[in-house]
Amino acid sequence: VKKYFPLAFFGSMFGAWTVTSISPELLKPLMLFMLAA
């Protein structure tokens, strides 16, 4: 699992940076669908 750690780390950093310019409301419908599935 340790080799996958950078994927989560840099993915999240990119996400946190992106949220400053794009509304998180865009991802909510996808998140709801995934939770239901």
Full PDB file with SEQRES, HELIX, SHEET, SSBOND, CRYST1, ORIGX, SCALE, CONECT and MASTER records, all heavy atoms in Angstrom:
SEQRES   1 A   37  VAL LYS LYS TYR PHE PRO LEU ALA PHE PHE GLY SER MET          
SEQRES   2 A   37  PHE GLY ALA TRP THR VAL THR SER ILE SER PRO GLU LEU          
SEQRES   3 A   37  LEU LYS PRO LEU MET LEU PHE MET LEU ALA ALA                  
HELIX    1 AA1 LYS A    2  TYR A    4  5                                   3    
HELIX    2 AA2 PHE A    5  THR A   18  1                                  14    
HELIX    3 AA3 PRO A   24  LEU A   26  5                                   3    
HELIX    4 AA4 LYS A   28  ALA A   36  1                                   9    
CRYST1    1.000    1.000    1.000  90.00  90.00  90.00 P 1           1          
ORIGX1      1.000000  0.000000  0.000000        0.00000                         
ORIGX2      0.000000  1.000000  0.000000        0.00000                         
ORIGX3      0.000000  0.000000  1.000000        0.00000                         
SCALE1      1.000000  0.000000  0.000000        0.00000                         
SCALE2      0.000000  1.000000  0.000000        0.00000                         
SCALE3      0.000000  0.000000  1.000000        0.00000                         
ATOM      1  N   VAL A   1       0.803  -1.221   0.000  1.00  0.00           N  
ATOM      2  CA  VAL A   1       0.000   0.000   0.000  1.00  0.00           C  
ATOM      3  C   VAL A   1       0.838   1.273   0.000  1.00  0.00           C  
ATOM      4  O   VAL A   1       0.415   2.299  -0.527  1.00  0.00           O  
ATOM      5  CB  VAL A   1      -0.975  -0.005   1.209  1.00  0.00           C  
ATOM      6  CG1 VAL A   1      -1.789   1.283   1.266  1.00  0.00           C  
ATOM      7  CG2 VAL A   1      -1.908  -1.192   1.117  1.00  0.00           C  
ATOM      8  N   LYS A   2       2.048   1.211   0.569  1.00  0.00           N  
ATOM      9  CA  LYS A   2       2.858   2.422   0.687  1.00  0.00           C  
ATOM     10  C   LYS A   2       3.146   3.070  -0.665  1.00  0.00           C  
ATOM     11  O   LYS A   2       3.278   4.291  -0.775  1.00  0.00           O  
ATOM     12  CB  LYS A   2       4.156   2.135   1.428  1.00  0.00           C  
ATOM     13  CG  LYS A   2       5.107   1.214   0.685  1.00  0.00           C  
ATOM     14  CD  LYS A   2       6.390   0.972   1.488  1.00  0.00           C  
ATOM     15  CE  LYS A   2       7.355   0.057   0.741  1.00  0.00           C  
ATOM     16  NZ  LYS A   2       8.588  -0.197   1.519  1.00  0.00           N  
ATOM     17  N   LYS A   3       3.207   2.239  -1.720  1.00  0.00           N  
ATOM     18  CA  LYS A   3       3.495   2.802  -3.052  1.00  0.00           C  
ATOM     19  C   LYS A   3       2.317   3.599  -3.602  1.00  0.00           C  
ATOM     20  O   LYS A   3       2.479   4.389  -4.537  1.00  0.00           O  
ATOM     21  CB  LYS A   3       3.883   1.685  -4.018  1.00  0.00           C  
ATOM     22  CG  LYS A   3       2.813   0.637  -4.238  1.00  0.00           C  
ATOM     23  CD  LYS A   3       3.372  -0.538  -5.021  1.00  0.00           C  
ATOM     24  CE  LYS A   3       2.348  -1.661  -5.146  1.00  0.00           C  
ATOM     25  NZ  LYS A   3       2.927  -2.867  -5.746  1.00  0.00           N  
ATOM     26  N   TYR A   4       1.114   3.384  -3.021  1.00  0.00           N  
ATOM     27  CA  TYR A   4      -0.056   4.134  -3.463  1.00  0.00           C  
ATOM     28  C   TYR A   4      -0.260   5.420  -2.659  1.00  0.00           C  
ATOM     29  O   TYR A   4      -1.111   6.249  -3.012  1.00  0.00           O  
ATOM     30  CB  TYR A   4      -1.314   3.271  -3.337  1.00  0.00           C  
ATOM     31  CG  TYR A   4      -1.290   2.000  -4.162  1.00  0.00           C  
ATOM     32  CD1 TYR A   4      -1.514   0.760  -3.568  1.00  0.00           C  
ATOM     33  CD2 TYR A   4      -1.033   2.041  -5.530  1.00  0.00           C  
ATOM     34  CE1 TYR A   4      -1.493  -0.406  -4.323  1.00  0.00           C  
ATOM     35  CE2 TYR A   4      -1.010   0.883  -6.288  1.00  0.00           C  
ATOM     36  CZ  TYR A   4      -1.241  -0.342  -5.671  1.00  0.00           C  
ATOM     37  OH  TYR A   4      -1.216  -1.493  -6.426  1.00  0.00           O  
ATOM     38  N   PHE A   5       0.509   5.581  -1.587  1.00  0.00           N  
ATOM     39  CA  PHE A   5       0.362   6.750  -0.712  1.00  0.00           C  
ATOM     40  C   PHE A   5       0.490   8.070  -1.474  1.00  0.00           C  
ATOM     41  O   PHE A   5      -0.329   8.979  -1.266  1.00  0.00           O  
ATOM     42  CB  PHE A   5       1.399   6.665   0.416  1.00  0.00           C  
ATOM     43  CG  PHE A   5       1.253   7.725   1.474  1.00  0.00           C  
ATOM     44  CD1 PHE A   5       0.458   7.513   2.591  1.00  0.00           C  
ATOM     45  CD2 PHE A   5       1.930   8.936   1.376  1.00  0.00           C  
ATOM     46  CE1 PHE A   5       0.317   8.476   3.575  1.00  0.00           C  
ATOM     47  CE2 PHE A   5       1.810   9.915   2.345  1.00  0.00           C  
ATOM     48  CZ  PHE A   5       1.000   9.675   3.458  1.00  0.00           C  
ATOM     49  N   PRO A   6       1.492   8.225  -2.373  1.00  0.00           N  
ATOM     50  CA  PRO A   6       1.611   9.509  -3.108  1.00  0.00           C  
ATOM     51  C   PRO A   6       0.389   9.818  -3.968  1.00  0.00           C  
ATOM     52  O   PRO A   6       0.081  10.993  -4.198  1.00  0.00           O  
ATOM     53  CB  PRO A   6       2.861   9.304  -3.975  1.00  0.00           C  
ATOM     54  CG  PRO A   6       3.650   8.250  -3.272  1.00  0.00           C  
ATOM     55  CD  PRO A   6       2.631   7.331  -2.668  1.00  0.00           C  
ATOM     56  N   LEU A   7      -0.321   8.782  -4.449  1.00  0.00           N  
ATOM     57  CA  LEU A   7      -1.508   9.020  -5.268  1.00  0.00           C  
ATOM     58  C   LEU A   7      -2.574   9.753  -4.458  1.00  0.00           C  
ATOM     59  O   LEU A   7      -3.170  10.728  -4.926  1.00  0.00           O  
ATOM     60  CB  LEU A   7      -2.077   7.693  -5.773  1.00  0.00           C  
ATOM     61  CG  LEU A   7      -1.195   6.892  -6.738  1.00  0.00           C  
ATOM     62  CD1 LEU A   7      -1.800   5.510  -6.967  1.00  0.00           C  
ATOM     63  CD2 LEU A   7      -1.032   7.627  -8.059  1.00  0.00           C  
ATOM     64  N   ALA A   8      -2.811   9.257  -3.243  1.00  0.00           N  
ATOM     65  CA  ALA A   8      -3.806   9.896  -2.375  1.00  0.00           C  
ATOM     66  C   ALA A   8      -3.340  11.280  -1.938  1.00  0.00           C  
ATOM     67  O   ALA A   8      -4.131  12.227  -1.893  1.00  0.00           O  
ATOM     68  CB  ALA A   8      -4.069   9.013  -1.155  1.00  0.00           C  
ATOM     69  N   PHE A   9      -2.054  11.397  -1.621  1.00  0.00           N  
ATOM     70  CA  PHE A   9      -1.508  12.656  -1.119  1.00  0.00           C  
ATOM     71  C   PHE A   9      -1.594  13.765  -2.173  1.00  0.00           C  
ATOM     72  O   PHE A   9      -2.193  14.826  -1.937  1.00  0.00           O  
ATOM     73  CB  PHE A   9      -0.055  12.453  -0.682  1.00  0.00           C  
ATOM     74  CG  PHE A   9       0.566  13.663  -0.048  1.00  0.00           C  
ATOM     75  CD1 PHE A   9       0.492  13.838   1.326  1.00  0.00           C  
ATOM     76  CD2 PHE A   9       1.228  14.617  -0.807  1.00  0.00           C  
ATOM     77  CE1 PHE A   9       1.061  14.956   1.930  1.00  0.00           C  
ATOM     78  CE2 PHE A   9       1.797  15.730  -0.214  1.00  0.00           C  
ATOM     79  CZ  PHE A   9       1.715  15.896   1.160  1.00  0.00           C  
ATOM     80  N   PHE A  10      -1.028  13.516  -3.354  1.00  0.00           N  
ATOM     81  CA  PHE A  10      -0.995  14.570  -4.367  1.00  0.00           C  
ATOM     82  C   PHE A  10      -2.360  14.758  -5.033  1.00  0.00           C  
ATOM     83  O   PHE A  10      -2.690  15.868  -5.469  1.00  0.00           O  
ATOM     84  CB  PHE A  10       0.086  14.269  -5.406  1.00  0.00           C  
ATOM     85  CG  PHE A  10       1.476  14.420  -4.857  1.00  0.00           C  
ATOM     86  CD1 PHE A  10       2.276  13.310  -4.627  1.00  0.00           C  
ATOM     87  CD2 PHE A  10       1.980  15.670  -4.542  1.00  0.00           C  
ATOM     88  CE1 PHE A  10       3.554  13.447  -4.104  1.00  0.00           C  
ATOM     89  CE2 PHE A  10       3.253  15.823  -4.021  1.00  0.00           C  
ATOM     90  CZ  PHE A  10       4.047  14.703  -3.798  1.00  0.00           C  
ATOM     91  N   GLY A  11      -3.150  13.686  -5.083  1.00  0.00           N  
ATOM     92  CA  GLY A  11      -4.522  13.833  -5.576  1.00  0.00           C  
ATOM     93  C   GLY A  11      -5.314  14.779  -4.703  1.00  0.00           C  
ATOM     94  O   GLY A  11      -6.032  15.659  -5.187  1.00  0.00           O  
ATOM     95  N   SER A  12      -5.181  14.626  -3.387  1.00  0.00           N  
ATOM     96  CA  SER A  12      -5.890  15.481  -2.448  1.00  0.00           C  
ATOM     97  C   SER A  12      -5.391  16.921  -2.493  1.00  0.00           C  
ATOM     98  O   SER A  12      -6.186  17.869  -2.438  1.00  0.00           O  
ATOM     99  CB  SER A  12      -5.744  14.932  -1.025  1.00  0.00           C  
ATOM    100  OG  SER A  12      -6.420  15.732  -0.092  1.00  0.00           O  
ATOM    101  N   MET A  13      -4.084  17.094  -2.598  1.00  0.00           N  
ATOM    102  CA  MET A  13      -3.538  18.450  -2.668  1.00  0.00           C  
ATOM    103  C   MET A  13      -4.054  19.168  -3.918  1.00  0.00           C  
ATOM    104  O   MET A  13      -4.413  20.354  -3.874  1.00  0.00           O  
ATOM    105  CB  MET A  13      -2.011  18.411  -2.664  1.00  0.00           C  
ATOM    106  CG  MET A  13      -1.357  19.769  -2.585  1.00  0.00           C  
ATOM    107  SD  MET A  13       0.406  19.697  -2.192  1.00  0.00           S  
ATOM    108  CE  MET A  13       0.355  19.369  -0.424  1.00  0.00           C  
ATOM    109  N   PHE A  14      -4.115  18.433  -5.014  1.00  0.00           N  
ATOM    110  CA  PHE A  14      -4.643  19.005  -6.249  1.00  0.00           C  
ATOM    111  C   PHE A  14      -6.131  19.341  -6.095  1.00  0.00           C  
ATOM    112  O   PHE A  14      -6.602  20.388  -6.547  1.00  0.00           O  
ATOM    113  CB  PHE A  14      -4.436  18.020  -7.408  1.00  0.00           C  
ATOM    114  CG  PHE A  14      -4.898  18.523  -8.741  1.00  0.00           C  
ATOM    115  CD1 PHE A  14      -4.540  19.776  -9.205  1.00  0.00           C  
ATOM    116  CD2 PHE A  14      -5.702  17.726  -9.550  1.00  0.00           C  
ATOM    117  CE1 PHE A  14      -4.967  20.243 -10.445  1.00  0.00           C  
ATOM    118  CE2 PHE A  14      -6.130  18.173 -10.786  1.00  0.00           C  
ATOM    119  CZ  PHE A  14      -5.768  19.431 -11.244  1.00  0.00           C  
ATOM    120  N   GLY A  15      -6.861  18.469  -5.398  1.00  0.00           N  
ATOM    121  CA  GLY A  15      -8.279  18.716  -5.156  1.00  0.00           C  
ATOM    122  C   GLY A  15      -8.510  19.934  -4.289  1.00  0.00           C  
ATOM    123  O   GLY A  15      -9.404  20.747  -4.558  1.00  0.00           O  
ATOM    124  N   ALA A  16      -7.700  20.066  -3.225  1.00  0.00           N  
ATOM    125  CA  ALA A  16      -7.832  21.221  -2.331  1.00  0.00           C  
ATOM    126  C   ALA A  16      -7.494  22.521  -3.056  1.00  0.00           C  
ATOM    127  O   ALA A  16      -8.105  23.565  -2.798  1.00  0.00           O  
ATOM    128  CB  ALA A  16      -6.920  21.040  -1.117  1.00  0.00           C  
ATOM    129  N   TRP A  17      -6.533  22.464  -3.962  1.00  0.00           N  
ATOM    130  CA  TRP A  17      -6.194  23.645  -4.741  1.00  0.00           C  
ATOM    131  C   TRP A  17      -7.311  23.971  -5.742  1.00  0.00           C  
ATOM    132  O   TRP A  17      -7.693  25.136  -5.909  1.00  0.00           O  
ATOM    133  CB  TRP A  17      -4.886  23.412  -5.502  1.00  0.00           C  
ATOM    134  CG  TRP A  17      -4.518  24.539  -6.416  1.00  0.00           C  
ATOM    135  CD1 TRP A  17      -3.943  25.728  -6.088  1.00  0.00           C  
ATOM    136  CD2 TRP A  17      -4.739  24.581  -7.841  1.00  0.00           C  
ATOM    137  NE1 TRP A  17      -3.782  26.506  -7.212  1.00  0.00           N  
ATOM    138  CE2 TRP A  17      -4.250  25.832  -8.299  1.00  0.00           C  
ATOM    139  CE3 TRP A  17      -5.271  23.680  -8.763  1.00  0.00           C  
ATOM    140  CZ2 TRP A  17      -4.307  26.192  -9.640  1.00  0.00           C  
ATOM    141  CZ3 TRP A  17      -5.332  24.043 -10.095  1.00  0.00           C  
ATOM    142  CH2 TRP A  17      -4.856  25.288 -10.524  1.00  0.00           C  
ATOM    143  N   THR A  18      -7.883  22.935  -6.351  1.00  0.00           N  
ATOM    144  CA  THR A  18      -8.932  23.125  -7.360  1.00  0.00           C  
ATOM    145  C   THR A  18     -10.189  23.735  -6.756  1.00  0.00           C  
ATOM    146  O   THR A  18     -10.869  24.540  -7.399  1.00  0.00           O  
ATOM    147  CB  THR A  18      -9.279  21.779  -8.032  1.00  0.00           C  
ATOM    148  OG1 THR A  18      -8.090  21.203  -8.583  1.00  0.00           O  
ATOM    149  CG2 THR A  18     -10.301  21.974  -9.154  1.00  0.00           C  
ATOM    150  N   VAL A  19     -10.497  23.353  -5.513  1.00  0.00           N  
ATOM    151  CA  VAL A  19     -11.743  23.812  -4.898  1.00  0.00           C  
ATOM    152  C   VAL A  19     -11.751  25.327  -4.687  1.00  0.00           C  
ATOM    153  O   VAL A  19     -12.805  25.924  -4.502  1.00  0.00           O  
ATOM    154  CB  VAL A  19     -11.983  23.076  -3.554  1.00  0.00           C  
ATOM    155  CG1 VAL A  19     -11.133  23.666  -2.439  1.00  0.00           C  
ATOM    156  CG2 VAL A  19     -13.459  23.115  -3.170  1.00  0.00           C  
ATOM    157  N   THR A  20     -10.581  25.950  -4.736  1.00  0.00           N  
ATOM    158  CA  THR A  20     -10.521  27.409  -4.578  1.00  0.00           C  
ATOM    159  C   THR A  20     -11.050  28.134  -5.813  1.00  0.00           C  
ATOM    160  O   THR A  20     -11.352  29.325  -5.755  1.00  0.00           O  
ATOM    161  CB  THR A  20      -9.079  27.880  -4.307  1.00  0.00           C  
ATOM    162  OG1 THR A  20      -8.233  27.523  -5.416  1.00  0.00           O  
ATOM    163  CG2 THR A  20      -8.530  27.236  -3.044  1.00  0.00           C  
ATOM    164  N   SER A  21     -11.166  27.418  -6.943  1.00  0.00           N  
ATOM    165  CA  SER A  21     -11.623  28.073  -8.172  1.00  0.00           C  
ATOM    166  C   SER A  21     -12.873  27.437  -8.779  1.00  0.00           C  
ATOM    167  O   SER A  21     -13.500  28.032  -9.656  1.00  0.00           O  
ATOM    168  CB  SER A  21     -10.503  28.067  -9.233  1.00  0.00           C  
ATOM    169  OG  SER A  21     -10.050  26.754  -9.474  1.00  0.00           O  
ATOM    170  N   ILE A  22     -13.235  26.230  -8.316  1.00  0.00           N  
ATOM    171  CA  ILE A  22     -14.415  25.538  -8.848  1.00  0.00           C  
ATOM    172  C   ILE A  22     -15.311  25.131  -7.695  1.00  0.00           C  
ATOM    173  O   ILE A  22     -14.828  24.630  -6.678  1.00  0.00           O  
ATOM    174  CB  ILE A  22     -14.009  24.286  -9.658  1.00  0.00           C  
ATOM    175  CG1 ILE A  22     -13.104  24.672 -10.834  1.00  0.00           C  
ATOM    176  CG2 ILE A  22     -15.244  23.549 -10.169  1.00  0.00           C  
ATOM    177  CD1 ILE A  22     -12.596  23.485 -11.618  1.00  0.00           C  
ATOM    178  N   SER A  23     -16.611  25.297  -7.834  1.00  0.00           N  
ATOM    179  CA  SER A  23     -17.550  24.956  -6.768  1.00  0.00           C  
ATOM    180  C   SER A  23     -17.608  23.445  -6.533  1.00  0.00           C  
ATOM    181  O   SER A  23     -17.744  22.670  -7.487  1.00  0.00           O  
ATOM    182  CB  SER A  23     -18.954  25.450  -7.119  1.00  0.00           C  
ATOM    183  OG  SER A  23     -19.896  24.958  -6.181  1.00  0.00           O  
ATOM    184  N   PRO A  24     -17.520  23.019  -5.265  1.00  0.00           N  
ATOM    185  CA  PRO A  24     -17.628  21.588  -4.965  1.00  0.00           C  
ATOM    186  C   PRO A  24     -19.010  21.018  -5.251  1.00  0.00           C  
ATOM    187  O   PRO A  24     -19.194  19.805  -5.266  1.00  0.00           O  
ATOM    188  CB  PRO A  24     -17.310  21.519  -3.460  1.00  0.00           C  
ATOM    189  CG  PRO A  24     -17.563  22.889  -2.940  1.00  0.00           C  
ATOM    190  CD  PRO A  24     -17.245  23.808  -4.063  1.00  0.00           C  
ATOM    191  N   GLU A  25     -20.006  21.905  -5.483  1.00  0.00           N  
ATOM    192  CA  GLU A  25     -21.361  21.435  -5.830  1.00  0.00           C  
ATOM    193  C   GLU A  25     -21.340  20.578  -7.092  1.00  0.00           C  
ATOM    194  O   GLU A  25     -22.207  19.730  -7.288  1.00  0.00           O  
ATOM    195  CB  GLU A  25     -22.289  22.640  -6.041  1.00  0.00           C  
ATOM    196  CG  GLU A  25     -22.510  23.491  -4.800  1.00  0.00           C  
ATOM    197  CD  GLU A  25     -23.234  22.723  -3.701  1.00  0.00           C  
ATOM    198  OE1 GLU A  25     -24.166  21.976  -4.027  1.00  0.00           O  
ATOM    199  OE2 GLU A  25     -22.851  22.882  -2.535  1.00  0.00           O  
ATOM    200  N   LEU A  26     -20.334  20.781  -7.956  1.00  0.00           N  
ATOM    201  CA  LEU A  26     -20.259  20.028  -9.201  1.00  0.00           C  
ATOM    202  C   LEU A  26     -20.062  18.537  -8.968  1.00  0.00           C  
ATOM    203  O   LEU A  26     -20.502  17.711  -9.765  1.00  0.00           O  
ATOM    204  CB  LEU A  26     -19.107  20.578 -10.070  1.00  0.00           C  
ATOM    205  CG  LEU A  26     -19.257  22.020 -10.566  1.00  0.00           C  
ATOM    206  CD1 LEU A  26     -17.986  22.475 -11.268  1.00  0.00           C  
ATOM    207  CD2 LEU A  26     -20.452  22.138 -11.510  1.00  0.00           C  
ATOM    208  N   LEU A  27     -19.373  18.186  -7.866  1.00  0.00           N  
ATOM    209  CA  LEU A  27     -19.091  16.780  -7.593  1.00  0.00           C  
ATOM    210  C   LEU A  27     -20.168  16.105  -6.757  1.00  0.00           C  
ATOM    211  O   LEU A  27     -20.177  14.879  -6.648  1.00  0.00           O  
ATOM    212  CB  LEU A  27     -17.742  16.646  -6.868  1.00  0.00           C  
ATOM    213  CG  LEU A  27     -16.488  16.461  -7.704  1.00  0.00           C  
ATOM    214  CD1 LEU A  27     -15.303  16.146  -6.809  1.00  0.00           C  
ATOM    215  CD2 LEU A  27     -16.655  15.354  -8.732  1.00  0.00           C  
ATOM    216  N   LYS A  28     -21.071  16.856  -6.165  1.00  0.00           N  
ATOM    217  CA  LYS A  28     -22.030  16.264  -5.234  1.00  0.00           C  
ATOM    218  C   LYS A  28     -22.942  15.214  -5.869  1.00  0.00           C  
ATOM    219  O   LYS A  28     -23.161  14.154  -5.277  1.00  0.00           O  
ATOM    220  CB  LYS A  28     -22.851  17.363  -4.544  1.00  0.00           C  
ATOM    221  CG  LYS A  28     -22.100  18.027  -3.408  1.00  0.00           C  
ATOM    222  CD  LYS A  28     -23.002  18.894  -2.559  1.00  0.00           C  
ATOM    223  CE  LYS A  28     -22.233  19.441  -1.354  1.00  0.00           C  
ATOM    224  NZ  LYS A  28     -23.074  20.273  -0.492  1.00  0.00           N  
ATOM    225  N   PRO A  29     -23.508  15.443  -7.065  1.00  0.00           N  
ATOM    226  CA  PRO A  29     -24.348  14.399  -7.657  1.00  0.00           C  
ATOM    227  C   PRO A  29     -23.595  13.084  -7.876  1.00  0.00           C  
ATOM    228  O   PRO A  29     -24.138  12.005  -7.634  1.00  0.00           O  
ATOM    229  CB  PRO A  29     -24.785  15.020  -8.994  1.00  0.00           C  
ATOM    230  CG  PRO A  29     -24.681  16.485  -8.785  1.00  0.00           C  
ATOM    231  CD  PRO A  29     -23.497  16.673  -7.881  1.00  0.00           C  
ATOM    232  N   LEU A  30     -22.335  13.176  -8.324  1.00  0.00           N  
ATOM    233  CA  LEU A  30     -21.527  11.972  -8.522  1.00  0.00           C  
ATOM    234  C   LEU A  30     -21.265  11.275  -7.202  1.00  0.00           C  
ATOM    235  O   LEU A  30     -21.342  10.036  -7.100  1.00  0.00           O  
ATOM    236  CB  LEU A  30     -20.200  12.341  -9.195  1.00  0.00           C  
ATOM    237  CG  LEU A  30     -19.217  11.182  -9.416  1.00  0.00           C  
ATOM    238  CD1 LEU A  30     -19.838  10.118 -10.309  1.00  0.00           C  
ATOM    239  CD2 LEU A  30     -17.910  11.701 -10.020  1.00  0.00           C  
ATOM    240  N   MET A  31     -20.981  12.046  -6.158  1.00  0.00           N  
ATOM    241  CA  MET A  31     -20.735  11.476  -4.839  1.00  0.00           C  
ATOM    242  C   MET A  31     -21.966  10.736  -4.316  1.00  0.00           C  
ATOM    243  O   MET A  31     -21.870   9.635  -3.761  1.00  0.00           O  
ATOM    244  CB  MET A  31     -20.324  12.588  -3.876  1.00  0.00           C  
ATOM    245  CG  MET A  31     -20.033  12.130  -2.450  1.00  0.00           C  
ATOM    246  SD  MET A  31     -21.445  12.315  -1.344  1.00  0.00           S  
ATOM    247  CE  MET A  31     -21.512  14.098  -1.195  1.00  0.00           C  
ATOM    248  N   LEU A  32     -23.151  11.323  -4.502  1.00  0.00           N  
ATOM    249  CA  LEU A  32     -24.394  10.684  -4.053  1.00  0.00           C  
ATOM    250  C   LEU A  32     -24.635   9.375  -4.800  1.00  0.00           C  
ATOM    251  O   LEU A  32     -25.032   8.374  -4.204  1.00  0.00           O  
ATOM    252  CB  LEU A  32     -25.577  11.644  -4.258  1.00  0.00           C  
ATOM    253  CG  LEU A  32     -25.563  12.915  -3.410  1.00  0.00           C  
ATOM    254  CD1 LEU A  32     -26.718  13.825  -3.812  1.00  0.00           C  
ATOM    255  CD2 LEU A  32     -25.637  12.585  -1.924  1.00  0.00           C  
ATOM    256  N   PHE A  33     -24.393   9.383  -6.106  1.00  0.00           N  
ATOM    257  CA  PHE A  33     -24.561   8.159  -6.898  1.00  0.00           C  
ATOM    258  C   PHE A  33     -23.609   7.062  -6.431  1.00  0.00           C  
ATOM    259  O   PHE A  33     -23.996   5.897  -6.292  1.00  0.00           O  
ATOM    260  CB  PHE A  33     -24.326   8.475  -8.383  1.00  0.00           C  
ATOM    261  CG  PHE A  33     -24.296   7.247  -9.259  1.00  0.00           C  
ATOM    262  CD1 PHE A  33     -25.469   6.625  -9.632  1.00  0.00           C  
ATOM    263  CD2 PHE A  33     -23.080   6.710  -9.668  1.00  0.00           C  
ATOM    264  CE1 PHE A  33     -25.445   5.482 -10.431  1.00  0.00           C  
ATOM    265  CE2 PHE A  33     -23.040   5.567 -10.466  1.00  0.00           C  
ATOM    266  CZ  PHE A  33     -24.234   4.955 -10.845  1.00  0.00           C  
ATOM    267  N   MET A  34     -22.360   7.430  -6.174  1.00  0.00           N  
ATOM    268  CA  MET A  34     -21.360   6.444  -5.744  1.00  0.00           C  
ATOM    269  C   MET A  34     -21.703   5.869  -4.378  1.00  0.00           C  
ATOM    270  O   MET A  34     -21.577   4.661  -4.148  1.00  0.00           O  
ATOM    271  CB  MET A  34     -19.967   7.091  -5.730  1.00  0.00           C  
ATOM    272  CG  MET A  34     -19.414   7.388  -7.103  1.00  0.00           C  
ATOM    273  SD  MET A  34     -17.820   8.232  -7.046  1.00  0.00           S  
ATOM    274  CE  MET A  34     -16.791   6.976  -6.269  1.00  0.00           C  
ATOM    275  N   LEU A  35     -22.144   6.712  -3.443  1.00  0.00           N  
ATOM    276  CA  LEU A  35     -22.535   6.226  -2.117  1.00  0.00           C  
ATOM    277  C   LEU A  35     -23.708   5.259  -2.216  1.00  0.00           C  
ATOM    278  O   LEU A  35     -23.742   4.224  -1.536  1.00  0.00           O  
ATOM    279  CB  LEU A  35     -22.888   7.399  -1.202  1.00  0.00           C  
ATOM    280  CG  LEU A  35     -21.728   8.178  -0.593  1.00  0.00           C  
ATOM    281  CD1 LEU A  35     -22.241   9.425   0.116  1.00  0.00           C  
ATOM    282  CD2 LEU A  35     -20.924   7.315   0.378  1.00  0.00           C  
ATOM    283  N   ALA A  36     -24.686   5.584  -3.062  1.00  0.00           N  
ATOM    284  CA  ALA A  36     -25.847   4.715  -3.245  1.00  0.00           C  
ATOM    285  C   ALA A  36     -25.424   3.375  -3.838  1.00  0.00           C  
ATOM    286  O   ALA A  36     -25.861   2.306  -3.378  1.00  0.00           O  
ATOM    287  CB  ALA A  36     -26.877   5.398  -4.146  1.00  0.00           C  
ATOM    288  N   ALA A  37     -24.568   3.413  -4.851  1.00  0.00           N  
ATOM    289  CA  ALA A  37     -24.114   2.182  -5.500  1.00  0.00           C  
ATOM    290  C   ALA A  37     -23.324   1.301  -4.525  1.00  0.00           C  
ATOM    291  O   ALA A  37     -23.500   0.074  -4.490  1.00  0.00           O  
ATOM    292  CB  ALA A  37     -23.248   2.532  -6.716  1.00  0.00           C  
TER     293      ALA A  37                                                      
MASTER        0    0    0    4    0    0    0    6  292    1    0    3          
END                                                                             
